[in-house]
PDB file of all heavy atoms in Angstrom:
ATOM      1  N   ARG A   1      38.355 110.063  32.731  1.00  0.00           N
ATOM      2  CA  ARG A   1      39.475 109.192  32.973  1.00  0.00           C
ATOM      3  C   ARG A   1      40.753 110.049  32.932  1.00  0.00           C
ATOM      4  O   ARG A   1      41.219 110.459  31.865  1.00  0.00           O
ATOM      5  CB  ARG A   1      39.565 108.058  31.987  1.00  0.00           C
ATOM      6  CG  ARG A   1      40.540 106.970  32.366  1.00  0.00           C
ATOM      7  CD  ARG A   1      40.398 105.770  31.435  1.00  0.00           C
ATOM      8  NE  ARG A   1      39.121 105.067  31.584  1.00  0.00           N
ATOM      9  CZ  ARG A   1      38.858 104.212  32.562  1.00  0.00           C
ATOM     10  NH1 ARG A   1      39.760 103.950  33.484  1.00  0.00           N
ATOM     11  NH2 ARG A   1      37.679 103.642  32.657  1.00  0.00           N
ATOM     12  N   LEU A   2      41.272 110.391  34.110  1.00  0.00           N
ATOM     13  CA  LEU A   2      42.375 111.318  34.180  1.00  0.00           C
ATOM     14  C   LEU A   2      43.650 110.655  33.645  1.00  0.00           C
ATOM     15  O   LEU A   2      44.544 111.356  33.167  1.00  0.00           O
ATOM     16  CB  LEU A   2      42.574 111.724  35.673  1.00  0.00           C
ATOM     17  CG  LEU A   2      41.329 112.437  36.271  1.00  0.00           C
ATOM     18  CD1 LEU A   2      41.516 112.521  37.806  1.00  0.00           C
ATOM     19  CD2 LEU A   2      41.187 113.825  35.678  1.00  0.00           C
ATOM     20  N   SER A   3      43.802 109.400  33.775  1.00  0.00           N
ATOM     21  CA  SER A   3      44.937 108.637  33.219  1.00  0.00           C
ATOM     22  C   SER A   3      44.467 107.191  33.081  1.00  0.00           C
ATOM     23  O   SER A   3      43.322 106.903  33.307  1.00  0.00           O
ATOM     24  CB  SER A   3      46.137 108.711  34.212  1.00  0.00           C
ATOM     25  OG  SER A   3      45.867 107.945  35.388  1.00  0.00           O
ATOM     26  N   ASP A   4      45.376 106.392  32.638  1.00  0.00           N
ATOM     27  CA  ASP A   4      45.021 104.957  32.430  1.00  0.00           C
ATOM     28  C   ASP A   4      44.751 104.235  33.762  1.00  0.00           C
ATOM     29  O   ASP A   4      44.136 103.170  33.779  1.00  0.00           O
ATOM     30  CB  ASP A   4      46.185 104.207  31.757  1.00  0.00           C
ATOM     31  CG  ASP A   4      46.368 104.706  30.293  1.00  0.00           C
ATOM     32  OD1 ASP A   4      45.437 105.298  29.750  1.00  0.00           O
ATOM     33  OD2 ASP A   4      47.450 104.479  29.721  1.00  0.00           O
ATOM     34  N   THR A   5      45.117 104.851  34.911  1.00  0.00           N
ATOM     35  CA  THR A   5      44.895 104.256  36.184  1.00  0.00           C
ATOM     36  C   THR A   5      43.995 105.025  37.111  1.00  0.00           C
ATOM     37  O   THR A   5      43.742 104.616  38.247  1.00  0.00           O
ATOM     38  CB  THR A   5      46.242 104.007  36.869  1.00  0.00           C
ATOM     39  OG1 THR A   5      46.928 105.254  37.087  1.00  0.00           O
ATOM     40  CG2 THR A   5      47.113 103.065  36.067  1.00  0.00           C
ATOM     41  N   LEU A   6      43.467 106.157  36.665  1.00  0.00           N
ATOM     42  CA  LEU A   6      42.706 107.044  37.563  1.00  0.00           C
ATOM     43  C   LEU A   6      41.520 107.628  36.831  1.00  0.00           C
ATOM     44  O   LEU A   6      41.645 108.180  35.740  1.00  0.00           O
ATOM     45  CB  LEU A   6      43.620 108.135  38.103  1.00  0.00           C
ATOM     46  CG  LEU A   6      42.983 109.102  39.147  1.00  0.00           C
ATOM     47  CD1 LEU A   6      42.685 108.323  40.420  1.00  0.00           C
ATOM     48  CD2 LEU A   6      43.951 110.239  39.411  1.00  0.00           C
ATOM     49  N   ARG A   7      40.342 107.532  37.446  1.00  0.00           N
ATOM     50  CA  ARG A   7      39.119 108.107  36.921  1.00  0.00           C
ATOM     51  C   ARG A   7      38.306 108.696  38.055  1.00  0.00           C
ATOM     52  O   ARG A   7      38.348 108.253  39.181  1.00  0.00           O
ATOM     53  CB  ARG A   7      38.317 107.135  36.106  1.00  0.00           C
ATOM     54  CG  ARG A   7      37.620 106.043  36.928  1.00  0.00           C
ATOM     55  CD  ARG A   7      36.858 105.095  36.018  1.00  0.00           C
ATOM     56  NE  ARG A   7      36.214 104.038  36.824  1.00  0.00           N
ATOM     57  CZ  ARG A   7      34.954 104.141  37.205  1.00  0.00           C
ATOM     58  NH1 ARG A   7      34.175 105.178  36.893  1.00  0.00           N
ATOM     59  NH2 ARG A   7      34.446 103.184  37.937  1.00  0.00           N
ATOM     60  N   ALA A   8      37.465 109.666  37.701  1.00  0.00           N
ATOM     61  CA  ALA A   8      36.573 110.294  38.658  1.00  0.00           C
ATOM     62  C   ALA A   8      35.173 110.475  38.026  1.00  0.00           C
ATOM     63  O   ALA A   8      35.039 110.587  36.816  1.00  0.00           O
ATOM     64  CB  ALA A   8      37.133 111.662  39.080  1.00  0.00           C
ATOM     65  N   GLU A   9      34.160 110.454  38.908  1.00  0.00           N
ATOM     66  CA  GLU A   9      32.811 110.541  38.432  1.00  0.00           C
ATOM     67  C   GLU A   9      31.955 111.241  39.463  1.00  0.00           C
ATOM     68  O   GLU A   9      32.187 111.077  40.675  1.00  0.00           O
ATOM     69  CB  GLU A   9      32.223 109.171  38.077  1.00  0.00           C
ATOM     70  CG  GLU A   9      30.839 109.133  37.496  1.00  0.00           C
ATOM     71  CD  GLU A   9      30.410 107.814  37.071  1.00  0.00           C
ATOM     72  OE1 GLU A   9      30.721 107.419  35.927  1.00  0.00           O
ATOM     73  OE2 GLU A   9      29.728 107.117  37.843  1.00  0.00           O
ATOM     74  N   ALA A  10      30.957 111.980  39.038  1.00  0.00           N
ATOM     75  CA  ALA A  10      29.961 112.592  39.896  1.00  0.00           C
ATOM     76  C   ALA A  10      28.551 112.420  39.311  1.00  0.00           C
ATOM     77  O   ALA A  10      28.416 112.299  38.110  1.00  0.00           O
ATOM     78  CB  ALA A  10      30.294 114.131  40.072  1.00  0.00           C
ATOM     79  N   HIS A  11      27.544 112.422  40.197  1.00  0.00           N
ATOM     80  CA  HIS A  11      26.214 112.196  39.768  1.00  0.00           C
ATOM     81  C   HIS A  11      25.229 112.925  40.635  1.00  0.00           C
ATOM     82  O   HIS A  11      25.473 113.232  41.847  1.00  0.00           O
ATOM     83  CB  HIS A  11      25.852 110.699  39.720  1.00  0.00           C
ATOM     84  CG  HIS A  11      26.097 109.998  41.079  1.00  0.00           C
ATOM     85  ND1 HIS A  11      25.093 109.942  42.041  1.00  0.00           N
ATOM     86  CD2 HIS A  11      27.133 109.339  41.538  1.00  0.00           C
ATOM     87  CE1 HIS A  11      25.574 109.290  43.065  1.00  0.00           C
ATOM     88  NE2 HIS A  11      26.815 108.926  42.788  1.00  0.00           N
ATOM     89  N   TYR A  12      24.015 113.260  40.098  1.00  0.00           N
ATOM     90  CA  TYR A  12      22.980 113.954  40.822  1.00  0.00           C
ATOM     91  C   TYR A  12      21.627 113.514  40.254  1.00  0.00           C
ATOM     92  O   TYR A  12      21.430 113.434  39.062  1.00  0.00           O
ATOM     93  CB  TYR A  12      23.153 115.453  40.671  1.00  0.00           C
ATOM     94  CG  TYR A  12      22.038 116.229  41.365  1.00  0.00           C
ATOM     95  CD1 TYR A  12      21.978 116.323  42.759  1.00  0.00           C
ATOM     96  CD2 TYR A  12      21.141 117.003  40.651  1.00  0.00           C
ATOM     97  CE1 TYR A  12      20.978 117.042  43.416  1.00  0.00           C
ATOM     98  CE2 TYR A  12      20.121 117.714  41.285  1.00  0.00           C
ATOM     99  CZ  TYR A  12      20.078 117.731  42.644  1.00  0.00           C
ATOM    100  OH  TYR A  12      19.082 118.464  43.322  1.00  0.00           O
ATOM    101  N   LEU A  13      20.649 113.231  41.140  1.00  0.00           N
ATOM    102  CA  LEU A  13      19.335 112.948  40.782  1.00  0.00           C
ATOM    103  C   LEU A  13      18.386 113.637  41.734  1.00  0.00           C
ATOM    104  O   LEU A  13      18.594 113.662  42.946  1.00  0.00           O
ATOM    105  CB  LEU A  13      19.099 111.429  40.897  1.00  0.00           C
ATOM    106  CG  LEU A  13      17.643 110.950  40.639  1.00  0.00           C
ATOM    107  CD1 LEU A  13      17.283 111.162  39.183  1.00  0.00           C
ATOM    108  CD2 LEU A  13      17.473 109.492  41.012  1.00  0.00           C
ATOM    109  N   ARG A  14      17.339 114.261  41.169  1.00  0.00           N
ATOM    110  CA  ARG A  14      16.372 114.988  41.951  1.00  0.00           C
ATOM    111  C   ARG A  14      14.990 114.757  41.423  1.00  0.00           C
ATOM    112  O   ARG A  14      14.756 114.676  40.183  1.00  0.00           O
ATOM    113  CB  ARG A  14      16.662 116.496  41.896  1.00  0.00           C
ATOM    114  CG  ARG A  14      15.604 117.355  42.604  1.00  0.00           C
ATOM    115  CD  ARG A  14      15.920 118.822  42.433  1.00  0.00           C
ATOM    116  NE  ARG A  14      14.860 119.754  42.923  1.00  0.00           N
ATOM    117  CZ  ARG A  14      14.783 120.174  44.156  1.00  0.00           C
ATOM    118  NH1 ARG A  14      15.760 119.881  45.039  1.00  0.00           N
ATOM    119  NH2 ARG A  14      13.805 121.006  44.549  1.00  0.00           N
ATOM    120  N   ALA A  15      14.055 114.538  42.326  1.00  0.00           N
ATOM    121  CA  ALA A  15      12.582 114.423  41.965  1.00  0.00           C
ATOM    122  C   ALA A  15      11.822 115.253  42.950  1.00  0.00           C
ATOM    123  O   ALA A  15      12.016 115.145  44.124  1.00  0.00           O
ATOM    124  CB  ALA A  15      12.164 112.957  41.991  1.00  0.00           C
ATOM    125  N   ALA A  16      10.963 116.122  42.439  1.00  0.00           N
ATOM    126  CA  ALA A  16      10.193 117.017  43.296  1.00  0.00           C
ATOM    127  C   ALA A  16       8.773 117.141  42.734  1.00  0.00           C
ATOM    128  O   ALA A  16       8.623 117.141  41.476  1.00  0.00           O
ATOM    129  CB  ALA A  16      10.827 118.371  43.456  1.00  0.00           C
ATOM    130  N   GLY A  17       7.793 117.275  43.568  1.00  0.00           N
ATOM    131  CA  GLY A  17       6.436 117.412  43.128  1.00  0.00           C
ATOM    132  C   GLY A  17       5.409 117.422  44.242  1.00  0.00           C
ATOM    133  O   GLY A  17       5.758 117.738  45.407  1.00  0.00           O
ATOM    134  N   ASP A  18       4.188 117.078  43.933  1.00  0.00           N
ATOM    135  CA  ASP A  18       3.116 117.061  44.949  1.00  0.00           C
ATOM    136  C   ASP A  18       2.252 115.853  44.695  1.00  0.00           C
ATOM    137  O   ASP A  18       2.084 115.356  43.556  1.00  0.00           O
ATOM    138  CB  ASP A  18       2.357 118.344  44.959  1.00  0.00           C
ATOM    139  CG  ASP A  18       1.666 118.685  43.633  1.00  0.00           C
ATOM    140  OD1 ASP A  18       2.389 119.319  42.779  1.00  0.00           O
ATOM    141  OD2 ASP A  18       0.541 118.230  43.408  1.00  0.00           O
ATOM    142  N   ASN A  19       1.654 115.377  45.757  1.00  0.00           N
ATOM    143  CA  ASN A  19       0.861 114.195  45.747  1.00  0.00           C
ATOM    144  C   ASN A  19      -0.449 114.398  46.487  1.00  0.00           C
ATOM    145  O   ASN A  19      -0.461 114.981  47.592  1.00  0.00           O
ATOM    146  CB  ASN A  19       1.612 113.050  46.390  1.00  0.00           C
ATOM    147  CG  ASN A  19       0.970 111.699  46.237  1.00  0.00           C
ATOM    148  OD1 ASN A  19       0.141 111.492  45.371  1.00  0.00           O
ATOM    149  ND2 ASN A  19       1.323 110.782  47.126  1.00  0.00           N
ATOM    150  N   GLU A  20      -1.559 113.969  45.954  1.00  0.00           N
ATOM    151  CA  GLU A  20      -2.834 114.054  46.587  1.00  0.00           C
ATOM    152  C   GLU A  20      -3.320 112.629  46.990  1.00  0.00           C
ATOM    153  O   GLU A  20      -3.155 111.681  46.251  1.00  0.00           O
ATOM    154  CB  GLU A  20      -3.884 114.708  45.680  1.00  0.00           C
ATOM    155  CG  GLU A  20      -3.496 116.113  45.276  1.00  0.00           C
ATOM    156  CD  GLU A  20      -4.418 116.666  44.128  1.00  0.00           C
ATOM    157  OE1 GLU A  20      -5.255 115.877  43.647  1.00  0.00           O
ATOM    158  OE2 GLU A  20      -4.263 117.762  43.733  1.00  0.00           O
ATOM    159  N   TYR A  21      -3.960 112.571  48.167  1.00  0.00           N
ATOM    160  CA  TYR A  21      -4.486 111.292  48.635  1.00  0.00           C
ATOM    161  C   TYR A  21      -5.601 111.575  49.578  1.00  0.00           C
ATOM    162  O   TYR A  21      -5.986 112.728  49.770  1.00  0.00           O
ATOM    163  CB  TYR A  21      -3.360 110.471  49.308  1.00  0.00           C
ATOM    164  CG  TYR A  21      -2.419 111.285  50.216  1.00  0.00           C
ATOM    165  CD1 TYR A  21      -2.728 111.416  51.594  1.00  0.00           C
ATOM    166  CD2 TYR A  21      -1.302 111.887  49.724  1.00  0.00           C
ATOM    167  CE1 TYR A  21      -1.958 112.158  52.426  1.00  0.00           C
ATOM    168  CE2 TYR A  21      -0.486 112.622  50.587  1.00  0.00           C
ATOM    169  CZ  TYR A  21      -0.796 112.777  51.899  1.00  0.00           C
ATOM    170  OH  TYR A  21       0.017 113.512  52.732  1.00  0.00           O
ATOM    171  N   ASP A  22      -6.203 110.528  50.140  1.00  0.00           N
ATOM    172  CA  ASP A  22      -7.297 110.723  51.046  1.00  0.00           C
ATOM    173  C   ASP A  22      -6.836 110.697  52.500  1.00  0.00           C
ATOM    174  O   ASP A  22      -6.066 109.818  52.944  1.00  0.00           O
ATOM    175  CB  ASP A  22      -8.363 109.594  50.862  1.00  0.00           C
ATOM    176  CG  ASP A  22      -8.982 109.716  49.473  1.00  0.00           C
ATOM    177  OD1 ASP A  22      -9.058 110.811  48.932  1.00  0.00           O
ATOM    178  OD2 ASP A  22      -9.400 108.614  48.972  1.00  0.00           O
ATOM    179  N   GLY A  23      -7.243 111.655  53.301  1.00  0.00           N
ATOM    180  CA  GLY A  23      -6.811 111.748  54.689  1.00  0.00           C
ATOM    181  C   GLY A  23      -7.698 112.695  55.451  1.00  0.00           C
ATOM    182  O   GLY A  23      -8.627 113.258  54.926  1.00  0.00           O
ATOM    183  N   SER A  24      -7.413 112.852  56.746  1.00  0.00           N
ATOM    184  CA  SER A  24      -8.283 113.618  57.639  1.00  0.00           C
ATOM    185  C   SER A  24      -7.527 114.780  58.189  1.00  0.00           C
ATOM    186  O   SER A  24      -6.291 114.929  57.988  1.00  0.00           O
ATOM    187  CB  SER A  24      -8.780 112.697  58.795  1.00  0.00           C
ATOM    188  OG  SER A  24      -7.678 112.482  59.665  1.00  0.00           O
ATOM    189  N   VAL A  25      -8.256 115.622  58.902  1.00  0.00           N
ATOM    190  CA  VAL A  25      -7.629 116.783  59.515  1.00  0.00           C
ATOM    191  C   VAL A  25      -6.624 116.400  60.570  1.00  0.00           C
ATOM    192  O   VAL A  25      -5.708 117.175  60.929  1.00  0.00           O
ATOM    193  CB  VAL A  25      -8.783 117.675  60.167  1.00  0.00           C
ATOM    194  CG1 VAL A  25      -9.399 116.948  61.352  1.00  0.00           C
ATOM    195  CG2 VAL A  25      -8.196 119.036  60.611  1.00  0.00           C
ATOM    196  N   PHE A  26      -6.669 115.218  61.075  1.00  0.00           N
ATOM    197  CA  PHE A  26      -5.700 114.722  62.024  1.00  0.00           C
ATOM    198  C   PHE A  26      -4.403 114.233  61.402  1.00  0.00           C
ATOM    199  O   PHE A  26      -3.416 113.927  62.013  1.00  0.00           O
ATOM    200  CB  PHE A  26      -6.277 113.638  62.929  1.00  0.00           C
ATOM    201  CG  PHE A  26      -7.528 114.083  63.666  1.00  0.00           C
ATOM    202  CD1 PHE A  26      -8.771 113.670  63.248  1.00  0.00           C
ATOM    203  CD2 PHE A  26      -7.437 114.949  64.760  1.00  0.00           C
ATOM    204  CE1 PHE A  26      -9.945 114.113  63.954  1.00  0.00           C
ATOM    205  CE2 PHE A  26      -8.576 115.350  65.429  1.00  0.00           C
ATOM    206  CZ  PHE A  26      -9.835 114.926  65.035  1.00  0.00           C
ATOM    207  N   SER A  27      -4.472 114.086  60.036  1.00  0.00           N
ATOM    208  CA  SER A  27      -3.241 113.631  59.334  1.00  0.00           C
ATOM    209  C   SER A  27      -3.027 114.641  58.175  1.00  0.00           C
ATOM    210  O   SER A  27      -2.625 115.788  58.417  1.00  0.00           O
ATOM    211  CB  SER A  27      -3.460 112.223  58.799  1.00  0.00           C
ATOM    212  OG  SER A  27      -4.628 112.094  58.021  1.00  0.00           O
ATOM    213  N   SER A  28      -3.254 114.256  56.972  1.00  0.00           N
ATOM    214  CA  SER A  28      -3.097 115.158  55.813  1.00  0.00           C
ATOM    215  C   SER A  28      -3.709 114.464  54.576  1.00  0.00           C
ATOM    216  O   SER A  28      -3.990 113.273  54.598  1.00  0.00           O
ATOM    217  CB  SER A  28      -1.611 115.422  55.549  1.00  0.00           C
ATOM    218  OG  SER A  28      -0.900 114.196  55.348  1.00  0.00           O
TER     219      SER A  28
END
Protein backbone atom coordinates (compact mmCIF):
# COMPACT_ATOMS: atom_id res chain seq x y z
CA ARG A 1 0.00 0.00 0.00
CA LEU A 2 1.93 2.98 -1.34
CA SER A 3 -0.43 5.46 0.35
CA ASP A 4 -3.88 5.54 1.86
CA THR A 5 -5.34 5.74 -1.65
CA LEU A 6 -2.93 3.67 -3.76
CA ARG A 7 -1.83 0.04 -3.64
CA ALA A 8 -0.10 -2.38 -6.01
CA GLU A 9 0.07 -6.15 -6.16
CA ALA A 10 1.72 -8.86 -8.28
CA HIS A 11 1.23 -12.63 -8.37
CA TYR A 12 2.64 -15.74 -10.05
CA LEU A 13 1.55 -19.39 -10.14
CA ARG A 14 3.26 -22.25 -11.95
CA ALA A 15 2.59 -25.97 -12.19
CA ALA A 16 4.78 -28.30 -14.23
CA GLY A 17 5.10 -32.06 -14.45
CA ASP A 18 4.30 -35.16 -16.44
CA ASN A 19 1.26 -37.34 -16.86
CA GLU A 20 0.87 -40.93 -18.01
CA TYR A 21 -2.30 -42.33 -19.59
CA ASP A 22 -3.42 -44.94 -22.10
CA GLY A 23 -3.10 -44.10 -25.79
CA SER A 24 -1.90 -45.29 -29.16
CA VAL A 25 0.90 -44.55 -31.60
CA PHE A 26 -1.57 -42.34 -33.47
CA SER A 27 -2.04 -40.18 -30.39
CA SER A 28 0.12 -40.34 -27.23
